[in-house]
């Protein structure tokens, strides 16, 4: 237990700053073997960068609902290559020589 007033104030200030960022403390119960996994996950989710995809993937993985139709199309539309004007054509050859 923290008994030093300065330490208590520092912890309160830290938690206040975290709350301003939208980060809250809560308790959960899990297996001991999952401790590091849960901590890494929580750290990743609070970084704020590229967490949308991680959240969607986790939501799908733990959701009891089946995935919605059109999910692949939606993912392709989010691709950074949309509108990149790529030339994906390749030359077609009628006959290919095969040595049997």
PDB file of N, CA and C in Angstrom:
ATOM      1  N   UNK A   1       0.834  -1.174   0.000  1.00  0.00           N
ATOM      2  CA  UNK A   1       0.000   0.000   0.000  1.00  0.00           C
ATOM      3  C   UNK A   1       0.881   1.241   0.000  1.00  0.00           C
ATOM      4  N   UNK A   2       0.449   2.251  -0.677  1.00  0.00           N
ATOM      5  CA  UNK A   2       1.209   3.496  -0.756  1.00  0.00           C
ATOM      6  C   UNK A   2       0.885   4.343   0.462  1.00  0.00           C
ATOM      7  N   UNK A   3       1.910   4.714   1.207  1.00  0.00           N
ATOM      8  CA  UNK A   3       1.665   5.484   2.416  1.00  0.00           C
ATOM      9  C   UNK A   3       2.174   6.911   2.289  1.00  0.00           C
ATOM     10  N   UNK A   4       3.053   7.143   1.363  1.00  0.00           N
ATOM     11  CA  UNK A   4       3.648   8.452   1.173  1.00  0.00           C
ATOM     12  C   UNK A   4       2.653   9.360   0.445  1.00  0.00           C
ATOM     13  N   UNK A   5       2.390  10.561   1.007  1.00  0.00           N
ATOM     14  CA  UNK A   5       1.432  11.489   0.401  1.00  0.00           C
ATOM     15  C   UNK A   5       1.868  11.921  -0.989  1.00  0.00           C
ATOM     16  N   UNK A   6       3.152  12.098  -1.196  1.00  0.00           N
ATOM     17  CA  UNK A   6       3.649  12.503  -2.514  1.00  0.00           C
ATOM     18  C   UNK A   6       3.369  11.407  -3.536  1.00  0.00           C
ATOM     19  N   UNK A   7       3.555  10.161  -3.129  1.00  0.00           N
ATOM     20  CA  UNK A   7       3.273   9.042  -4.026  1.00  0.00           C
ATOM     21  C   UNK A   7       1.784   8.957  -4.342  1.00  0.00           C
ATOM     22  N   UNK A   8       0.959   9.144  -3.344  1.00  0.00           N
ATOM     23  CA  UNK A   8      -0.487   9.117  -3.555  1.00  0.00           C
ATOM     24  C   UNK A   8      -0.905  10.207  -4.537  1.00  0.00           C
ATOM     25  N   UNK A   9      -0.336  11.401  -4.367  1.00  0.00           N
ATOM     26  CA  UNK A   9      -0.657  12.515  -5.244  1.00  0.00           C
ATOM     27  C   UNK A   9      -0.179  12.240  -6.667  1.00  0.00           C
ATOM     28  N   UNK A  10       1.003  11.656  -6.799  1.00  0.00           N
ATOM     29  CA  UNK A  10       1.542  11.324  -8.122  1.00  0.00           C
ATOM     30  C   UNK A  10       0.661  10.298  -8.827  1.00  0.00           C
ATOM     31  N   UNK A  11       0.220   9.295  -8.107  1.00  0.00           N
ATOM     32  CA  UNK A  11      -0.659   8.276  -8.690  1.00  0.00           C
ATOM     33  C   UNK A  11      -1.988   8.899  -9.093  1.00  0.00           C
ATOM     34  N   UNK A  12      -2.540   9.758  -8.237  1.00  0.00           N
ATOM     35  CA  UNK A  12      -3.811  10.422  -8.548  1.00  0.00           C
ATOM     36  C   UNK A  12      -3.659  11.299  -9.797  1.00  0.00           C
ATOM     37  N   UNK A  13      -2.552  12.029  -9.898  1.00  0.00           N
ATOM     38  CA  UNK A  13      -2.313  12.872 -11.073  1.00  0.00           C
ATOM     39  C   UNK A  13      -2.179  12.027 -12.335  1.00  0.00           C
ATOM     40  N   UNK A  14      -1.448  10.917 -12.230  1.00  0.00           N
ATOM     41  CA  UNK A  14      -1.266  10.023 -13.376  1.00  0.00           C
ATOM     42  C   UNK A  14      -2.614   9.472 -13.843  1.00  0.00           C
ATOM     43  N   UNK A  15      -3.411   8.999 -12.909  1.00  0.00           N
ATOM     44  CA  UNK A  15      -4.717   8.447 -13.259  1.00  0.00           C
ATOM     45  C   UNK A  15      -5.638   9.519 -13.832  1.00  0.00           C
ATOM     46  N   UNK A  16      -5.522  10.730 -13.343  1.00  0.00           N
ATOM     47  CA  UNK A  16      -6.314  11.842 -13.878  1.00  0.00           C
ATOM     48  C   UNK A  16      -5.938  12.128 -15.335  1.00  0.00           C
ATOM     49  N   UNK A  17      -4.637  12.125 -15.637  1.00  0.00           N
ATOM     50  CA  UNK A  17      -4.175  12.335 -17.020  1.00  0.00           C
ATOM     51  C   UNK A  17      -4.664  11.215 -17.927  1.00  0.00           C
ATOM     52  N   UNK A  18      -4.634   9.986 -17.434  1.00  0.00           N
ATOM     53  CA  UNK A  18      -5.109   8.860 -18.230  1.00  0.00           C
ATOM     54  C   UNK A  18      -6.609   8.991 -18.503  1.00  0.00           C
ATOM     55  N   UNK A  19      -7.365   9.420 -17.498  1.00  0.00           N
ATOM     56  CA  UNK A  19      -8.806   9.599 -17.663  1.00  0.00           C
ATOM     57  C   UNK A  19      -9.089  10.676 -18.704  1.00  0.00           C
ATOM     58  N   UNK A  20      -8.297  11.741 -18.718  1.00  0.00           N
ATOM     59  CA  UNK A  20      -8.461  12.799 -19.725  1.00  0.00           C
ATOM     60  C   UNK A  20      -8.249  12.251 -21.134  1.00  0.00           C
ATOM     61  N   UNK A  21      -7.379  11.270 -21.272  1.00  0.00           N
ATOM     62  CA  UNK A  21      -7.128  10.635 -22.572  1.00  0.00           C
ATOM     63  C   UNK A  21      -8.191   9.590 -22.909  1.00  0.00           C
ATOM     64  N   UNK A  22      -9.110   9.346 -21.972  1.00  0.00           N
ATOM     65  CA  UNK A  22     -10.160   8.366 -22.205  1.00  0.00           C
ATOM     66  C   UNK A  22      -9.790   6.967 -21.753  1.00  0.00           C
ATOM     67  N   UNK A  23      -8.708   6.846 -21.034  1.00  0.00           N
ATOM     68  CA  UNK A  23      -8.247   5.536 -20.553  1.00  0.00           C
ATOM     69  C   UNK A  23      -8.723   5.352 -19.110  1.00  0.00           C
ATOM     70  N   UNK A  24      -9.367   4.228 -18.857  1.00  0.00           N
ATOM     71  CA  UNK A  24      -9.891   3.951 -17.527  1.00  0.00           C
ATOM     72  C   UNK A  24      -9.250   2.685 -16.971  1.00  0.00           C
ATOM     73  N   UNK A  25      -9.276   2.591 -15.660  1.00  0.00           N
ATOM     74  CA  UNK A  25      -8.781   1.399 -14.971  1.00  0.00           C
ATOM     75  C   UNK A  25      -9.948   0.484 -14.694  1.00  0.00           C
ATOM     76  N   UNK A  26      -9.729  -0.796 -14.863  1.00  0.00           N
ATOM     77  CA  UNK A  26     -10.726  -1.766 -14.461  1.00  0.00           C
ATOM     78  C   UNK A  26     -10.035  -3.073 -14.157  1.00  0.00           C
ATOM     79  N   UNK A  27     -10.738  -3.903 -13.428  1.00  0.00           N
ATOM     80  CA  UNK A  27     -10.189  -5.185 -13.004  1.00  0.00           C
ATOM     81  C   UNK A  27     -10.830  -6.286 -13.820  1.00  0.00           C
ATOM     82  N   UNK A  28     -10.046  -7.289 -14.139  1.00  0.00           N
ATOM     83  CA  UNK A  28     -10.592  -8.454 -14.814  1.00  0.00           C
ATOM     84  C   UNK A  28      -9.913  -9.692 -14.281  1.00  0.00           C
ATOM     85  N   UNK A  29     -10.531 -10.799 -14.541  1.00  0.00           N
ATOM     86  CA  UNK A  29      -9.982 -12.072 -14.089  1.00  0.00           C
ATOM     87  C   UNK A  29      -9.675 -12.921 -15.305  1.00  0.00           C
ATOM     88  N   UNK A  30      -8.505 -13.549 -15.279  1.00  0.00           N
ATOM     89  CA  UNK A  30      -8.108 -14.419 -16.382  1.00  0.00           C
ATOM     90  C   UNK A  30      -7.131 -15.460 -15.862  1.00  0.00           C
ATOM     91  N   UNK A  31      -6.741 -16.327 -16.743  1.00  0.00           N
ATOM     92  CA  UNK A  31      -5.734 -17.318 -16.378  1.00  0.00           C
ATOM     93  C   UNK A  31      -4.376 -16.637 -16.249  1.00  0.00           C
ATOM     94  N   UNK A  32      -3.567 -17.143 -15.379  1.00  0.00           N
ATOM     95  CA  UNK A  32      -2.219 -16.597 -15.175  1.00  0.00           C
ATOM     96  C   UNK A  32      -1.419 -16.609 -16.475  1.00  0.00           C
ATOM     97  N   UNK A  33      -1.635 -17.639 -17.284  1.00  0.00           N
ATOM     98  CA  UNK A  33      -0.872 -17.757 -18.535  1.00  0.00           C
ATOM     99  C   UNK A  33      -1.235 -16.682 -19.545  1.00  0.00           C
ATOM    100  N   UNK A  34      -2.390 -16.029 -19.385  1.00  0.00           N
ATOM    101  CA  UNK A  34      -2.824 -14.989 -20.316  1.00  0.00           C
ATOM    102  C   UNK A  34      -2.456 -13.576 -19.861  1.00  0.00           C
ATOM    103  N   UNK A  35      -1.817 -13.453 -18.735  1.00  0.00           N
ATOM    104  CA  UNK A  35      -1.499 -12.133 -18.172  1.00  0.00           C
ATOM    105  C   UNK A  35      -0.732 -11.263 -19.165  1.00  0.00           C
ATOM    106  N   UNK A  36       0.358 -11.770 -19.708  1.00  0.00           N
ATOM    107  CA  UNK A  36       1.170 -10.969 -20.626  1.00  0.00           C
ATOM    108  C   UNK A  36       0.409 -10.640 -21.912  1.00  0.00           C
ATOM    109  N   UNK A  37      -0.359 -11.604 -22.404  1.00  0.00           N
ATOM    110  CA  UNK A  37      -1.157 -11.376 -23.607  1.00  0.00           C
ATOM    111  C   UNK A  37      -2.157 -10.241 -23.400  1.00  0.00           C
ATOM    112  N   UNK A  38      -2.861 -10.260 -22.278  1.00  0.00           N
ATOM    113  CA  UNK A  38      -3.860  -9.234 -21.998  1.00  0.00           C
ATOM    114  C   UNK A  38      -3.197  -7.876 -21.811  1.00  0.00           C
ATOM    115  N   UNK A  39      -2.063  -7.846 -21.165  1.00  0.00           N
ATOM    116  CA  UNK A  39      -1.351  -6.574 -20.982  1.00  0.00           C
ATOM    117  C   UNK A  39      -0.870  -6.013 -22.315  1.00  0.00           C
ATOM    118  N   UNK A  40      -0.332  -6.883 -23.180  1.00  0.00           N
ATOM    119  CA  UNK A  40       0.102  -6.420 -24.503  1.00  0.00           C
ATOM    120  C   UNK A  40      -1.074  -5.899 -25.304  1.00  0.00           C
ATOM    121  N   UNK A  41      -2.188  -6.608 -25.242  1.00  0.00           N
ATOM    122  CA  UNK A  41      -3.389  -6.196 -25.962  1.00  0.00           C
ATOM    123  C   UNK A  41      -3.874  -4.834 -25.455  1.00  0.00           C
ATOM    124  N   UNK A  42      -3.939  -4.671 -24.149  1.00  0.00           N
ATOM    125  CA  UNK A  42      -4.382  -3.401 -23.576  1.00  0.00           C
ATOM    126  C   UNK A  42      -3.446  -2.264 -23.992  1.00  0.00           C
ATOM    127  N   UNK A  43      -2.154  -2.532 -23.999  1.00  0.00           N
ATOM    128  CA  UNK A  43      -1.172  -1.513 -24.401  1.00  0.00           C
ATOM    129  C   UNK A  43      -1.380  -1.121 -25.859  1.00  0.00           C
ATOM    130  N   UNK A  44      -1.572  -2.116 -26.726  1.00  0.00           N
ATOM    131  CA  UNK A  44      -1.791  -1.844 -28.154  1.00  0.00           C
ATOM    132  C   UNK A  44      -3.053  -1.018 -28.363  1.00  0.00           C
ATOM    133  N   UNK A  45      -4.125  -1.368 -27.650  1.00  0.00           N
ATOM    134  CA  UNK A  45      -5.398  -0.676 -27.832  1.00  0.00           C
ATOM    135  C   UNK A  45      -5.360   0.762 -27.328  1.00  0.00           C
ATOM    136  N   UNK A  46      -4.467   1.077 -26.404  1.00  0.00           N
ATOM    137  CA  UNK A  46      -4.387   2.445 -25.893  1.00  0.00           C
ATOM    138  C   UNK A  46      -3.400   3.309 -26.665  1.00  0.00           C
ATOM    139  N   UNK A  47      -2.635   2.727 -27.574  1.00  0.00           N
ATOM    140  CA  UNK A  47      -1.670   3.514 -28.341  1.00  0.00           C
ATOM    141  C   UNK A  47      -2.352   4.494 -29.283  1.00  0.00           C
ATOM    142  N   UNK A  48      -3.541   4.137 -29.761  1.00  0.00           N
ATOM    143  CA  UNK A  48      -4.290   5.056 -30.599  1.00  0.00           C
ATOM    144  C   UNK A  48      -3.907   5.045 -32.059  1.00  0.00           C
ATOM    145  N   UNK A  49      -2.913   4.295 -32.457  1.00  0.00           N
ATOM    146  CA  UNK A  49      -2.491   4.240 -33.850  1.00  0.00           C
ATOM    147  C   UNK A  49      -2.886   2.887 -34.425  1.00  0.00           C
ATOM    148  N   UNK A  50      -3.603   2.915 -35.534  1.00  0.00           N
ATOM    149  CA  UNK A  50      -3.962   1.684 -36.232  1.00  0.00           C
ATOM    150  C   UNK A  50      -4.716   0.701 -35.345  1.00  0.00           C
ATOM    151  N   UNK A  51      -5.469   1.191 -34.384  1.00  0.00           N
ATOM    152  CA  UNK A  51      -6.177   0.275 -33.493  1.00  0.00           C
ATOM    153  C   UNK A  51      -7.537  -0.125 -34.039  1.00  0.00           C
ATOM    154  N   UNK A  52      -8.035   0.581 -35.026  1.00  0.00           N
ATOM    155  CA  UNK A  52      -9.348   0.267 -35.587  1.00  0.00           C
ATOM    156  C   UNK A  52      -9.417  -1.139 -36.132  1.00  0.00           C
ATOM    157  N   UNK A  53      -8.437  -1.515 -36.914  1.00  0.00           N
ATOM    158  CA  UNK A  53      -8.412  -2.859 -37.499  1.00  0.00           C
ATOM    159  C   UNK A  53      -8.292  -3.917 -36.406  1.00  0.00           C
ATOM    160  N   UNK A  54      -7.455  -3.663 -35.412  1.00  0.00           N
ATOM    161  CA  UNK A  54      -7.293  -4.609 -34.305  1.00  0.00           C
ATOM    162  C   UNK A  54      -8.609  -4.780 -33.555  1.00  0.00           C
ATOM    163  N   UNK A  55      -9.298  -3.678 -33.293  1.00  0.00           N
ATOM    164  CA  UNK A  55     -10.587  -3.751 -32.605  1.00  0.00           C
ATOM    165  C   UNK A  55     -11.605  -4.548 -33.413  1.00  0.00           C
ATOM    166  N   UNK A  56     -11.667  -4.294 -34.717  1.00  0.00           N
ATOM    167  CA  UNK A  56     -12.622  -5.021 -35.569  1.00  0.00           C
ATOM    168  C   UNK A  56     -12.311  -6.518 -35.570  1.00  0.00           C
ATOM    169  N   UNK A  57     -11.037  -6.854 -35.695  1.00  0.00           N
ATOM    170  CA  UNK A  57     -10.639  -8.264 -35.714  1.00  0.00           C
ATOM    171  C   UNK A  57     -10.989  -8.945 -34.396  1.00  0.00           C
ATOM    172  N   UNK A  58     -10.688  -8.290 -33.291  1.00  0.00           N
ATOM    173  CA  UNK A  58     -11.017  -8.862 -31.981  1.00  0.00           C
ATOM    174  C   UNK A  58     -12.521  -8.984 -31.792  1.00  0.00           C
ATOM    175  N   UNK A  59     -13.242  -7.955 -32.224  1.00  0.00           N
ATOM    176  CA  UNK A  59     -14.702  -7.991 -32.088  1.00  0.00           C
ATOM    177  C   UNK A  59     -15.284  -9.169 -32.848  1.00  0.00           C
ATOM    178  N   UNK A  60     -14.785  -9.406 -34.058  1.00  0.00           N
ATOM    179  CA  UNK A  60     -15.257 -10.540 -34.841  1.00  0.00           C
ATOM    180  C   UNK A  60     -14.877 -11.863 -34.189  1.00  0.00           C
ATOM    181  N   UNK A  61     -13.674 -11.932 -33.645  1.00  0.00           N
ATOM    182  CA  UNK A  61     -13.197 -13.180 -33.058  1.00  0.00           C
ATOM    183  C   UNK A  61     -13.989 -13.574 -31.822  1.00  0.00           C
ATOM    184  N   UNK A  62     -14.416 -12.613 -31.027  1.00  0.00           N
ATOM    185  CA  UNK A  62     -15.116 -12.942 -29.790  1.00  0.00           C
ATOM    186  C   UNK A  62     -16.628 -12.819 -29.899  1.00  0.00           C
ATOM    187  N   UNK A  63     -17.119 -12.311 -31.005  1.00  0.00           N
ATOM    188  CA  UNK A  63     -18.555 -12.130 -31.198  1.00  0.00           C
ATOM    189  C   UNK A  63     -19.226 -13.459 -31.497  1.00  0.00           C
ATOM    190  N   UNK A  64     -20.448 -13.592 -31.006  1.00  0.00           N
ATOM    191  CA  UNK A  64     -21.235 -14.787 -31.294  1.00  0.00           C
ATOM    192  C   UNK A  64     -21.973 -14.669 -32.617  1.00  0.00           C
ATOM    193  N   UNK A  65     -21.982 -13.462 -33.185  1.00  0.00           N
ATOM    194  CA  UNK A  65     -22.695 -13.236 -34.439  1.00  0.00           C
ATOM    195  C   UNK A  65     -21.837 -13.665 -35.625  1.00  0.00           C
ATOM    196  N   UNK A  66     -22.465 -14.272 -36.632  1.00  0.00           N
ATOM    197  CA  UNK A  66     -21.701 -14.613 -37.833  1.00  0.00           C
ATOM    198  C   UNK A  66     -21.299 -13.343 -38.573  1.00  0.00           C
ATOM    199  N   UNK A  67     -20.229 -13.429 -39.347  1.00  0.00           N
ATOM    200  CA  UNK A  67     -19.780 -12.249 -40.076  1.00  0.00           C
ATOM    201  C   UNK A  67     -20.816 -11.858 -41.114  1.00  0.00           C
ATOM    202  N   UNK A  68     -20.886 -10.576 -41.384  1.00  0.00           N
ATOM    203  CA  UNK A  68     -21.869 -10.051 -42.324  1.00  0.00           C
ATOM    204  C   UNK A  68     -21.408 -10.293 -43.752  1.00  0.00           C
ATOM    205  N   UNK A  69     -22.350 -10.525 -44.672  1.00  0.00           N
ATOM    206  CA  UNK A  69     -21.957 -10.683 -46.070  1.00  0.00           C
ATOM    207  C   UNK A  69     -21.372  -9.371 -46.602  1.00  0.00           C
ATOM    208  N   UNK A  70     -20.421  -9.495 -47.505  1.00  0.00           N
ATOM    209  CA  UNK A  70     -19.800  -8.310 -48.088  1.00  0.00           C
ATOM    210  C   UNK A  70     -18.574  -7.845 -47.329  1.00  0.00           C
ATOM    211  N   UNK A  71     -18.149  -8.619 -46.344  1.00  0.00           N
ATOM    212  CA  UNK A  71     -16.993  -8.221 -45.540  1.00  0.00           C
ATOM    213  C   UNK A  71     -15.712  -8.138 -46.345  1.00  0.00           C
ATOM    214  N   UNK A  72     -15.545  -9.056 -47.291  1.00  0.00           N
ATOM    215  CA  UNK A  72     -14.334  -9.039 -48.124  1.00  0.00           C
ATOM    216  C   UNK A  72     -14.338  -7.799 -49.005  1.00  0.00           C
ATOM    217  N   UNK A  73     -15.481  -7.497 -49.591  1.00  0.00           N
ATOM    218  CA  UNK A  73     -15.586  -6.318 -50.439  1.00  0.00           C
ATOM    219  C   UNK A  73     -15.304  -5.054 -49.637  1.00  0.00           C
ATOM    220  N   UNK A  74     -15.828  -4.978 -48.439  1.00  0.00           N
ATOM    221  CA  UNK A  74     -15.582  -3.821 -47.574  1.00  0.00           C
ATOM    222  C   UNK A  74     -14.098  -3.698 -47.261  1.00  0.00           C
ATOM    223  N   UNK A  75     -13.447  -4.814 -46.971  1.00  0.00           N
ATOM    224  CA  UNK A  75     -12.012  -4.793 -46.679  1.00  0.00           C
ATOM    225  C   UNK A  75     -11.218  -4.343 -47.898  1.00  0.00           C
ATOM    226  N   UNK A  76     -11.592  -4.821 -49.065  1.00  0.00           N
ATOM    227  CA  UNK A  76     -10.891  -4.409 -50.280  1.00  0.00           C
ATOM    228  C   UNK A  76     -11.067  -2.921 -50.550  1.00  0.00           C
ATOM    229  N   UNK A  77     -12.220  -2.393 -50.241  1.00  0.00           N
ATOM    230  CA  UNK A  77     -12.453  -0.960 -50.442  1.00  0.00           C
ATOM    231  C   UNK A  77     -11.642  -0.103 -49.489  1.00  0.00           C
ATOM    232  N   UNK A  78     -11.254  -0.661 -48.342  1.00  0.00           N
ATOM    233  CA  UNK A  78     -10.414   0.066 -47.384  1.00  0.00           C
ATOM    234  C   UNK A  78      -8.936  -0.025 -47.741  1.00  0.00           C
ATOM    235  N   UNK A  79      -8.604  -0.807 -48.733  1.00  0.00           N
ATOM    236  CA  UNK A  79      -7.211  -1.033 -49.104  1.00  0.00           C
ATOM    237  C   UNK A  79      -6.525   0.270 -49.496  1.00  0.00           C
ATOM    238  N   UNK A  80      -5.263   0.431 -49.134  1.00  0.00           N
ATOM    239  CA  UNK A  80      -4.532   1.633 -49.539  1.00  0.00           C
ATOM    240  C   UNK A  80      -4.293   1.684 -51.050  1.00  0.00           C
ATOM    241  N   UNK A  81      -4.519   0.588 -51.756  1.00  0.00           N
ATOM    242  CA  UNK A  81      -4.296   0.563 -53.200  1.00  0.00           C
ATOM    243  C   UNK A  81      -5.523   1.013 -53.999  1.00  0.00           C
ATOM    244  N   UNK A  82      -6.629   1.321 -53.315  1.00  0.00           N
ATOM    245  CA  UNK A  82      -7.822   1.792 -54.020  1.00  0.00           C
ATOM    246  C   UNK A  82      -7.474   3.096 -54.735  1.00  0.00           C
ATOM    247  N   UNK A  83      -7.734   3.121 -56.021  1.00  0.00           N
ATOM    248  CA  UNK A  83      -7.459   4.317 -56.812  1.00  0.00           C
ATOM    249  C   UNK A  83      -5.997   4.481 -57.186  1.00  0.00           C
ATOM    250  N   UNK A  84      -5.185   3.445 -57.007  1.00  0.00           N
ATOM    251  CA  UNK A  84      -3.756   3.548 -57.297  1.00  0.00           C
ATOM    252  C   UNK A  84      -3.462   3.414 -58.783  1.00  0.00           C
ATOM    253  N   UNK A  85      -4.468   3.111 -59.611  1.00  0.00           N
ATOM    254  CA  UNK A  85      -4.315   3.016 -61.059  1.00  0.00           C
ATOM    255  C   UNK A  85      -3.195   2.044 -61.447  1.00  0.00           C
ATOM    256  N   UNK A  86      -3.278   0.820 -60.921  1.00  0.00           N
ATOM    257  CA  UNK A  86      -2.285  -0.207 -61.216  1.00  0.00           C
ATOM    258  C   UNK A  86      -2.622  -0.919 -62.521  1.00  0.00           C
ATOM    259  N   UNK A  87      -1.602  -1.269 -63.282  1.00  0.00           N
ATOM    260  CA  UNK A  87      -1.788  -2.047 -64.501  1.00  0.00           C
ATOM    261  C   UNK A  87      -1.547  -3.510 -64.155  1.00  0.00           C
ATOM    262  N   UNK A  88      -2.622  -4.274 -64.027  1.00  0.00           N
ATOM    263  CA  UNK A  88      -2.518  -5.670 -63.609  1.00  0.00           C
ATOM    264  C   UNK A  88      -2.690  -6.640 -64.770  1.00  0.00           C
ATOM    265  N   UNK A  89      -2.611  -6.136 -65.978  1.00  0.00           N
ATOM    266  CA  UNK A  89      -2.731  -7.021 -67.137  1.00  0.00           C
ATOM    267  C   UNK A  89      -1.405  -7.725 -67.373  1.00  0.00           C
ATOM    268  N   UNK A  90      -1.495  -8.897 -67.985  1.00  0.00           N
ATOM    269  CA  UNK A  90      -0.276  -9.631 -68.319  1.00  0.00           C
ATOM    270  C   UNK A  90      -0.458 -10.202 -69.713  1.00  0.00           C
ATOM    271  N   UNK A  91       0.638 -10.423 -70.397  1.00  0.00           N
ATOM    272  CA  UNK A  91       0.532 -10.945 -71.764  1.00  0.00           C
ATOM    273  C   UNK A  91      -0.007 -12.370 -71.742  1.00  0.00           C
ATOM    274  N   UNK A  92      -0.892 -12.660 -72.658  1.00  0.00           N
ATOM    275  CA  UNK A  92      -1.470 -14.000 -72.766  1.00  0.00           C
ATOM    276  C   UNK A  92      -0.814 -14.721 -73.938  1.00  0.00           C
ATOM    277  N   UNK A  93      -0.427 -15.944 -73.690  1.00  0.00           N
ATOM    278  CA  UNK A  93       0.157 -16.778 -74.740  1.00  0.00           C
ATOM    279  C   UNK A  93      -0.798 -17.937 -74.986  1.00  0.00           C
ATOM    280  N   UNK A  94      -1.075 -18.190 -76.263  1.00  0.00           N
ATOM    281  CA  UNK A  94      -2.011 -19.267 -76.598  1.00  0.00           C
ATOM    282  C   UNK A  94      -1.431 -20.645 -76.343  1.00  0.00           C
ATOM    283  N   UNK A  95      -0.167 -20.823 -76.646  1.00  0.00           N
ATOM    284  CA  UNK A  95       0.437 -22.136 -76.549  1.00  0.00           C
ATOM    285  C   UNK A  95       1.644 -22.047 -75.620  1.00  0.00           C
ATOM    286  N   UNK A  96       1.737 -23.036 -74.777  1.00  0.00           N
ATOM    287  CA  UNK A  96       2.876 -23.104 -73.866  1.00  0.00           C
ATOM    288  C   UNK A  96       3.600 -24.413 -74.136  1.00  0.00           C
ATOM    289  N   UNK A  97       4.894 -24.355 -74.291  1.00  0.00           N
ATOM    290  CA  UNK A  97       5.680 -25.545 -74.533  1.00  0.00           C
ATOM    291  C   UNK A  97       5.922 -26.272 -73.221  1.00  0.00           C
ATOM    292  N   UNK A  98       5.530 -27.555 -73.200  1.00  0.00           N
ATOM    293  CA  UNK A  98       5.699 -28.386 -72.008  1.00  0.00           C
ATOM    294  C   UNK A  98       6.514 -29.600 -72.391  1.00  0.00           C
ATOM    295  N   UNK A  99       7.576 -29.857 -71.666  1.00  0.00           N
ATOM    296  CA  UNK A  99       8.429 -31.002 -71.933  1.00  0.00           C
ATOM    297  C   UNK A  99       8.018 -32.132 -71.001  1.00  0.00           C
ATOM    298  N   UNK A 100       7.400 -33.171 -71.586  1.00  0.00           N
ATOM    299  CA  UNK A 100       6.958 -34.315 -70.779  1.00  0.00           C
ATOM    300  C   UNK A 100       7.961 -35.400 -70.815  1.00  0.00           C
TER     301      UNK A 100
END
